[in-house]
C-alpha atoms as a PDB file:
ATOM      1  CA  MET A   1      99.134 125.308  75.148  1.00  0.00           C
ATOM      2  CA  LYS A   2     102.708 123.493  75.239  1.00  0.00           C
ATOM      3  CA  GLU A   3     102.126 119.776  75.608  1.00  0.00           C
ATOM      4  CA  LYS A   4     104.905 116.824  75.219  1.00  0.00           C
ATOM      5  CA  LYS A   5     103.799 113.119  75.002  1.00  0.00           C
ATOM      6  CA  VAL A   6     104.881 111.085  77.609  1.00  0.00           C
ATOM      7  CA  PHE A   7     104.953 107.105  78.473  1.00  0.00           C
ATOM      8  CA  PHE A   8     105.073 105.544  81.620  1.00  0.00           C
ATOM      9  CA  ASN A   9     104.776 102.157  83.475  1.00  0.00           C
ATOM     10  CA  CYS A  10     101.982 100.485  85.808  1.00  0.00           C
ATOM     11  CA  ALA A  11     103.621  97.236  86.811  1.00  0.00           C
ATOM     12  CA  ASP A  12     104.131  95.301  83.455  1.00  0.00           C
ATOM     13  CA  ILE A  13     102.473  97.647  81.140  1.00  0.00           C
ATOM     14  CA  GLU A  14     102.838 101.000  79.322  1.00  0.00           C
ATOM     15  CA  LEU A  15     100.485 103.876  79.858  1.00  0.00           C
ATOM     16  CA  GLU A  16     100.101 106.972  77.305  1.00  0.00           C
ATOM     17  CA  GLY A  17     100.065 110.359  78.558  1.00  0.00           C
ATOM     18  CA  ALA A  18     100.449 113.973  77.624  1.00  0.00           C
ATOM     19  CA  MET A  19     101.733 116.577  80.004  1.00  0.00           C
ATOM     20  CA  THR A  20     102.091 120.296  80.350  1.00  0.00           C
ATOM     21  CA  PRO A  21     105.327 121.102  82.015  1.00  0.00           C
ATOM     22  CA  ALA A  22     105.574 124.295  84.390  1.00  0.00           C
ATOM     23  CA  GLU A  23     106.731 127.336  82.643  1.00  0.00           C
ATOM     24  CA  ASN A  24     110.369 128.847  83.238  1.00  0.00           C
ATOM     25  CA  ASN A  25     111.216 125.504  85.293  1.00  0.00           C
ATOM     26  CA  SER A  26     109.813 126.915  88.430  1.00  0.00           C
ATOM     27  CA  PRO A  27     107.955 124.223  91.084  1.00  0.00           C
ATOM     28  CA  ALA A  28     104.117 124.305  90.224  1.00  0.00           C
ATOM     29  CA  HIS A  29     101.050 122.713  91.376  1.00  0.00           C
ATOM     30  CA  SER A  30     100.026 119.895  89.519  1.00  0.00           C
ATOM     31  CA  VAL A  31      96.958 118.020  88.255  1.00  0.00           C
ATOM     32  CA  VAL A  32      96.250 114.405  87.210  1.00  0.00           C
ATOM     33  CA  VAL A  33      93.155 114.647  84.911  1.00  0.00           C
ATOM     34  CA  CYS A  34      91.402 111.046  84.528  1.00  0.00           C
ATOM     35  CA  HIS A  35      89.194 110.310  81.529  1.00  0.00           C
ATOM     36  CA  PRO A  36      85.432 108.845  81.130  1.00  0.00           C
ATOM     37  CA  HIS A  37      84.448 105.229  80.476  1.00  0.00           C
ATOM     38  CA  PRO A  38      86.706 103.915  77.765  1.00  0.00           C
ATOM     39  CA  GLN A  39      84.292 101.276  76.952  1.00  0.00           C
ATOM     40  CA  TYR A  40      82.111 104.329  75.933  1.00  0.00           C
ATOM     41  CA  GLY A  41      84.609 106.224  73.767  1.00  0.00           C
ATOM     42  CA  GLY A  42      86.299 107.778  76.832  1.00  0.00           C
ATOM     43  CA  ASN A  43      89.828 108.717  76.345  1.00  0.00           C
ATOM     44  CA  MET A  44      92.243 111.587  77.430  1.00  0.00           C
ATOM     45  CA  ASP A  45      91.448 113.497  74.093  1.00  0.00           C
ATOM     46  CA  ASN A  46      87.818 113.910  75.868  1.00  0.00           C
ATOM     47  CA  ASN A  47      86.406 117.371  75.329  1.00  0.00           C
ATOM     48  CA  VAL A  48      86.327 117.896  79.233  1.00  0.00           C
ATOM     49  CA  VAL A  49      89.655 116.605  79.608  1.00  0.00           C
ATOM     50  CA  MET A  50      90.995 119.070  77.069  1.00  0.00           C
ATOM     51  CA  GLY A  51      89.062 121.737  78.198  1.00  0.00           C
ATOM     52  CA  ILE A  52      90.184 121.450  81.930  1.00  0.00           C
ATOM     53  CA  THR A  53      93.934 120.906  80.622  1.00  0.00           C
ATOM     54  CA  ARG A  54      94.128 123.913  78.413  1.00  0.00           C
ATOM     55  CA  ILE A  55      92.312 126.390  81.188  1.00  0.00           C
ATOM     56  CA  LEU A  56      94.632 124.848  83.951  1.00  0.00           C
ATOM     57  CA  SER A  57      97.916 124.983  81.825  1.00  0.00           C
ATOM     58  CA  GLN A  58      97.207 128.784  80.844  1.00  0.00           C
ATOM     59  CA  ASN A  59      97.009 129.321  84.711  1.00  0.00           C
ATOM     60  CA  GLY A  60     100.287 128.047  85.868  1.00  0.00           C
ATOM     61  CA  PHE A  61      99.547 124.299  86.655  1.00  0.00           C
ATOM     62  CA  THR A  62     101.237 121.446  85.469  1.00  0.00           C
ATOM     63  CA  THR A  63      98.688 118.995  83.912  1.00  0.00           C
ATOM     64  CA  LEU A  64      98.786 115.124  83.228  1.00  0.00           C
ATOM     65  CA  ARG A  65      96.202 113.573  81.310  1.00  0.00           C
ATOM     66  CA  PHE A  66      96.567 109.945  80.199  1.00  0.00           C
ATOM     67  CA  ASN A  67      94.796 106.934  78.841  1.00  0.00           C
ATOM     68  CA  PHE A  68      94.057 104.213  80.999  1.00  0.00           C
ATOM     69  CA  ARG A  69      94.980 100.605  80.183  1.00  0.00           C
ATOM     70  CA  GLY A  70      93.337  99.562  76.828  1.00  0.00           C
ATOM     71  CA  ALA A  71      92.717 103.046  75.595  1.00  0.00           C
ATOM     72  CA  GLY A  72      94.482 104.667  72.786  1.00  0.00           C
ATOM     73  CA  ARG A  73      98.044 103.755  73.145  1.00  0.00           C
ATOM     74  CA  SER A  74      97.987 102.482  76.292  1.00  0.00           C
ATOM     75  CA  LYS A  75      98.803  98.875  76.648  1.00  0.00           C
ATOM     76  CA  GLY A  76      96.718  96.203  78.412  1.00  0.00           C
ATOM     77  CA  ALA A  77      92.934  95.682  78.335  1.00  0.00           C
ATOM     78  CA  TYR A  78      90.008  97.132  80.572  1.00  0.00           C
ATOM     79  CA  GLY A  79      90.266  96.257  84.099  1.00  0.00           C
ATOM     80  CA  ASN A  80      86.644  96.692  85.198  1.00  0.00           C
ATOM     81  CA  GLY A  81      87.307  99.797  86.947  1.00  0.00           C
ATOM     82  CA  THR A  82      89.424  97.924  89.702  1.00  0.00           C
ATOM     83  CA  GLU A  83      92.868  97.584  87.820  1.00  0.00           C
ATOM     84  CA  GLU A  84      92.381 101.144  86.436  1.00  0.00           C
ATOM     85  CA  ARG A  85      93.142 102.328  89.977  1.00  0.00           C
ATOM     86  CA  LYS A  86      96.801 101.190  89.542  1.00  0.00           C
ATOM     87  CA  ASP A  87      96.857 103.380  86.566  1.00  0.00           C
ATOM     88  CA  VAL A  88      95.917 106.504  88.567  1.00  0.00           C
ATOM     89  CA  LYS A  89      98.756 105.581  91.174  1.00  0.00           C
ATOM     90  CA  ALA A  90     101.064 105.221  88.421  1.00  0.00           C
ATOM     91  CA  ALA A  91     100.225 108.713  87.069  1.00  0.00           C
ATOM     92  CA  LEU A  92     100.992 110.138  90.379  1.00  0.00           C
ATOM     93  CA  ASP A  93     104.098 108.186  90.620  1.00  0.00           C
ATOM     94  CA  PHE A  94     105.003 109.397  87.458  1.00  0.00           C
ATOM     95  CA  LEU A  95     104.409 113.309  88.376  1.00  0.00           C
ATOM     96  CA  ASP A  96     105.867 112.445  91.611  1.00  0.00           C
ATOM     97  CA  GLY A  97     109.198 112.064  89.738  1.00  0.00           C
ATOM     98  CA  VAL A  98     109.018 115.150  87.918  1.00  0.00           C
ATOM     99  CA  ASP A  99     111.322 117.998  89.132  1.00  0.00           C
ATOM    100  CA  GLN A 100     109.095 120.948  88.560  1.00  0.00           C
ATOM    101  CA  ILE A 101     106.197 120.466  90.643  1.00  0.00           C
ATOM    102  CA  LYS A 102     105.717 120.764  94.528  1.00  0.00           C
ATOM    103  CA  ASP A 103     105.892 118.227  96.856  1.00  0.00           C
ATOM    104  CA  ASN A 104     102.565 116.586  98.294  1.00  0.00           C
ATOM    105  CA  ASP A 105     100.537 119.186  96.210  1.00  0.00           C
ATOM    106  CA  ILE A 106      98.925 117.284  93.522  1.00  0.00           C
ATOM    107  CA  PHE A 107      95.253 117.456  92.638  1.00  0.00           C
ATOM    108  CA  VAL A 108      93.470 114.603  91.013  1.00  0.00           C
ATOM    109  CA  VAL A 109      90.563 115.390  88.540  1.00  0.00           C
ATOM    110  CA  GLY A 110      87.887 112.638  87.761  1.00  0.00           C
ATOM    111  CA  TYR A 111      85.157 112.971  85.089  1.00  0.00           C
ATOM    112  CA  SER A 112      82.651 110.035  85.290  1.00  0.00           C
ATOM    113  CA  PHE A 113      84.599 106.699  85.373  1.00  0.00           C
ATOM    114  CA  GLY A 114      87.649 108.551  85.840  1.00  0.00           C
ATOM    115  CA  ALA A 115      86.020 110.062  89.396  1.00  0.00           C
ATOM    116  CA  MET A 116      84.940 106.310  90.169  1.00  0.00           C
ATOM    117  CA  VAL A 117      88.513 105.199  90.029  1.00  0.00           C
ATOM    118  CA  GLY A 118      90.402 108.150  90.564  1.00  0.00           C
ATOM    119  CA  LEU A 119      88.815 109.434  93.656  1.00  0.00           C
ATOM    120  CA  PRO A 120      89.695 106.355  95.827  1.00  0.00           C
ATOM    121  CA  VAL A 121      93.419 106.717  95.298  1.00  0.00           C
ATOM    122  CA  ALA A 122      93.086 110.408  95.912  1.00  0.00           C
ATOM    123  CA  VAL A 123      91.538 109.967  99.025  1.00  0.00           C
ATOM    124  CA  LYS A 124      94.243 107.642 100.337  1.00  0.00           C
ATOM    125  CA  ASP A 125      97.613 108.784  98.831  1.00  0.00           C
ATOM    126  CA  ASP A 126      99.363 111.486 100.913  1.00  0.00           C
ATOM    127  CA  ARG A 127     100.663 113.066  98.123  1.00  0.00           C
ATOM    128  CA  VAL A 128      97.221 114.250  96.928  1.00  0.00           C
ATOM    129  CA  LYS A 129      96.175 117.794  98.480  1.00  0.00           C
ATOM    130  CA  GLY A 130      92.583 117.608  97.243  1.00  0.00           C
ATOM    131  CA  TRP A 131      90.243 116.356  94.457  1.00  0.00           C
ATOM    132  CA  ILE A 132      87.643 117.465  91.939  1.00  0.00           C
ATOM    133  CA  GLY A 133      84.871 114.902  90.949  1.00  0.00           C
ATOM    134  CA  ILE A 134      82.953 115.747  87.801  1.00  0.00           C
ATOM    135  CA  SER A 135      79.665 113.745  87.116  1.00  0.00           C
ATOM    136  CA  PRO A 136      80.616 111.089  89.440  1.00  0.00           C
ATOM    137  CA  PRO A 137      78.273 108.182  88.673  1.00  0.00           C
ATOM    138  CA  ILE A 138      76.380 108.154  91.629  1.00  0.00           C
ATOM    139  CA  ALA A 139      73.138 106.649  90.307  1.00  0.00           C
ATOM    140  CA  THR A 140      75.412 103.278  89.547  1.00  0.00           C
ATOM    141  CA  TYR A 141      78.385 103.330  92.128  1.00  0.00           C
ATOM    142  CA  ASP A 142      78.656 103.633  95.853  1.00  0.00           C
ATOM    143  CA  PHE A 143      80.568 106.925  96.918  1.00  0.00           C
ATOM    144  CA  ASP A 144      80.515 106.200 100.549  1.00  0.00           C
ATOM    145  CA  PHE A 145      84.205 106.083 100.773  1.00  0.00           C
ATOM    146  CA  LEU A 146      84.453 110.025 100.240  1.00  0.00           C
ATOM    147  CA  LYS A 147      82.520 110.511 103.621  1.00  0.00           C
ATOM    148  CA  GLU A 148      85.453 110.514 105.622  1.00  0.00           C
ATOM    149  CA  CYS A 149      87.880 112.289 103.816  1.00  0.00           C
ATOM    150  CA  ASN A 150      89.139 115.889 105.077  1.00  0.00           C
ATOM    151  CA  LYS A 151      90.976 116.868 101.833  1.00  0.00           C
ATOM    152  CA  PRO A 152      89.483 120.075  99.644  1.00  0.00           C
ATOM    153  CA  LYS A 153      87.048 118.743  97.467  1.00  0.00           C
ATOM    154  CA  LEU A 154      84.766 119.841  94.551  1.00  0.00           C
ATOM    155  CA  LEU A 155      81.828 118.248  93.042  1.00  0.00           C
ATOM    156  CA  VAL A 156      80.599 119.613  89.746  1.00  0.00           C
ATOM    157  CA  CYS A 157      77.340 118.239  88.014  1.00  0.00           C
ATOM    158  CA  GLY A 158      74.826 119.522  85.369  1.00  0.00           C
ATOM    159  CA  ASP A 159      71.058 119.873  86.621  1.00  0.00           C
ATOM    160  CA  SER A 160      70.247 117.236  83.303  1.00  0.00           C
ATOM    161  CA  ASP A 161      72.721 114.902  84.541  1.00  0.00           C
ATOM    162  CA  PHE A 162      71.174 111.290  84.187  1.00  0.00           C
ATOM    163  CA  VAL A 163      74.342 109.691  85.455  1.00  0.00           C
ATOM    164  CA  CYS A 164      74.803 111.977  88.422  1.00  0.00           C
ATOM    165  CA  PRO A 165      71.404 113.307  89.394  1.00  0.00           C
ATOM    166  CA  ASP A 166      71.625 117.045  90.832  1.00  0.00           C
ATOM    167  CA  GLU A 167      69.629 115.704  94.100  1.00  0.00           C
ATOM    168  CA  GLN A 168      71.844 112.680  94.794  1.00  0.00           C
ATOM    169  CA  ALA A 169      74.569 114.940  94.298  1.00  0.00           C
ATOM    170  CA  LYS A 170      73.651 117.405  96.376  1.00  0.00           C
ATOM    171  CA  GLY A 171      72.916 114.289  99.038  1.00  0.00           C
ATOM    172  CA  LEU A 172      76.476 113.093  98.528  1.00  0.00           C
ATOM    173  CA  PHE A 173      77.954 116.785  99.167  1.00  0.00           C
ATOM    174  CA  ASN A 174      75.742 117.529 102.428  1.00  0.00           C
ATOM    175  CA  SER A 175      77.479 114.090 103.701  1.00  0.00           C
ATOM    176  CA  LEU A 176      81.041 115.134 102.960  1.00  0.00           C
ATOM    177  CA  LYS A 177      83.558 116.314 105.594  1.00  0.00           C
ATOM    178  CA  GLY A 178      84.690 119.822 104.934  1.00  0.00           C
ATOM    179  CA  PRO A 179      86.459 121.815 103.319  1.00  0.00           C
ATOM    180  CA  LYS A 180      84.269 121.275 100.244  1.00  0.00           C
ATOM    181  CA  THR A 181      82.527 122.865  97.527  1.00  0.00           C
ATOM    182  CA  MET A 182      79.740 122.134  95.051  1.00  0.00           C
ATOM    183  CA  PHE A 183      78.739 123.803  91.650  1.00  0.00           C
ATOM    184  CA  VAL A 184      75.644 122.479  89.779  1.00  0.00           C
ATOM    185  CA  VAL A 185      75.793 123.913  86.387  1.00  0.00           C
ATOM    186  CA  PRO A 186      72.397 124.922  84.530  1.00  0.00           C
ATOM    187  CA  ASP A 187      71.191 123.480  81.405  1.00  0.00           C
ATOM    188  CA  ALA A 188      74.418 120.843  81.443  1.00  0.00           C
ATOM    189  CA  ASP A 189      73.991 117.172  81.048  1.00  0.00           C
ATOM    190  CA  HIS A 190      76.326 114.583  81.252  1.00  0.00           C
ATOM    191  CA  PHE A 191      78.541 115.195  78.403  1.00  0.00           C
ATOM    192  CA  TRP A 192      78.887 118.749  78.910  1.00  0.00           C
ATOM    193  CA  TRP A 193      79.156 119.862  75.527  1.00  0.00           C
ATOM    194  CA  GLY A 194      79.250 123.536  75.162  1.00  0.00           C
ATOM    195  CA  LYS A 195      80.053 123.832  78.816  1.00  0.00           C
ATOM    196  CA  GLU A 196      83.592 122.966  78.606  1.00  0.00           C
ATOM    197  CA  GLU A 197      85.067 126.462  79.479  1.00  0.00           C
ATOM    198  CA  THR A 198      82.394 126.899  82.354  1.00  0.00           C
ATOM    199  CA  ILE A 199      83.457 123.702  84.072  1.00  0.00           C
ATOM    200  CA  ALA A 200      87.059 124.491  83.437  1.00  0.00           C
ATOM    201  CA  GLY A 201      86.480 127.974  85.020  1.00  0.00           C
ATOM    202  CA  HIS A 202      84.767 126.837  88.257  1.00  0.00           C
ATOM    203  CA  ILE A 203      87.913 124.198  88.736  1.00  0.00           C
ATOM    204  CA  LYS A 204      90.211 126.875  88.045  1.00  0.00           C
ATOM    205  CA  ASP A 205      89.058 129.141  90.550  1.00  0.00           C
ATOM    206  CA  PHE A 206      88.827 126.243  93.165  1.00  0.00           C
ATOM    207  CA  LEU A 207      92.337 124.968  92.889  1.00  0.00           C
ATOM    208  CA  VAL A 208      93.723 128.643  92.374  1.00  0.00           C
ATOM    209  CA  THR A 209      92.206 129.322  95.884  1.00  0.00           C
ATOM    210  CA  LEU A 210      94.082 126.555  97.302  1.00  0.00           C
ATOM    211  CA  SER A 211      97.410 127.065  95.884  1.00  0.00           C
ATOM    212  CA  SER A 212      97.525 130.634  96.415  1.00  0.00           C
END
């Protein structure tokens, strides 16, 4: 996986990221990957984020993972999940300025906290073709804002995830408009240790189908 470090602005702060550019300078589908909660150790080097980035980059996607404000080498401070939505938009703005991506063909992947702050942006931004929510924290936060979205969408949770209980996740999924897909991964909890390739494979298959 060939990555290059990038820095981009969100208003008056600078955010740190890593991008896998498209091979052969050909236009590619692109994916922004949003990491879990920074106050609990989440950052762009998280095991799930890295697993997804690796698999997608091997399958022709341009990927951008980045640190929310206050995480890693990103400037600023934790913004209670509200300011971080601006960080997601800034990541989209950055990708939108890259030559080797296809216009209006960006996907947003959000894991846990990353889903809470990334999906509201993905729903509203016309540049985003579809989104993936991994273990969205539905036990704590309201995700009803997803119900009117008609973009392609994928929900992924583990059957032992206390943050995203599978029955609640199924209820949310059933309330969503299509096109939609859901996977409940057996023997997986919120942290996905040992299941990184499984979850990344589901996401890759979903995105390849939409991008073909």
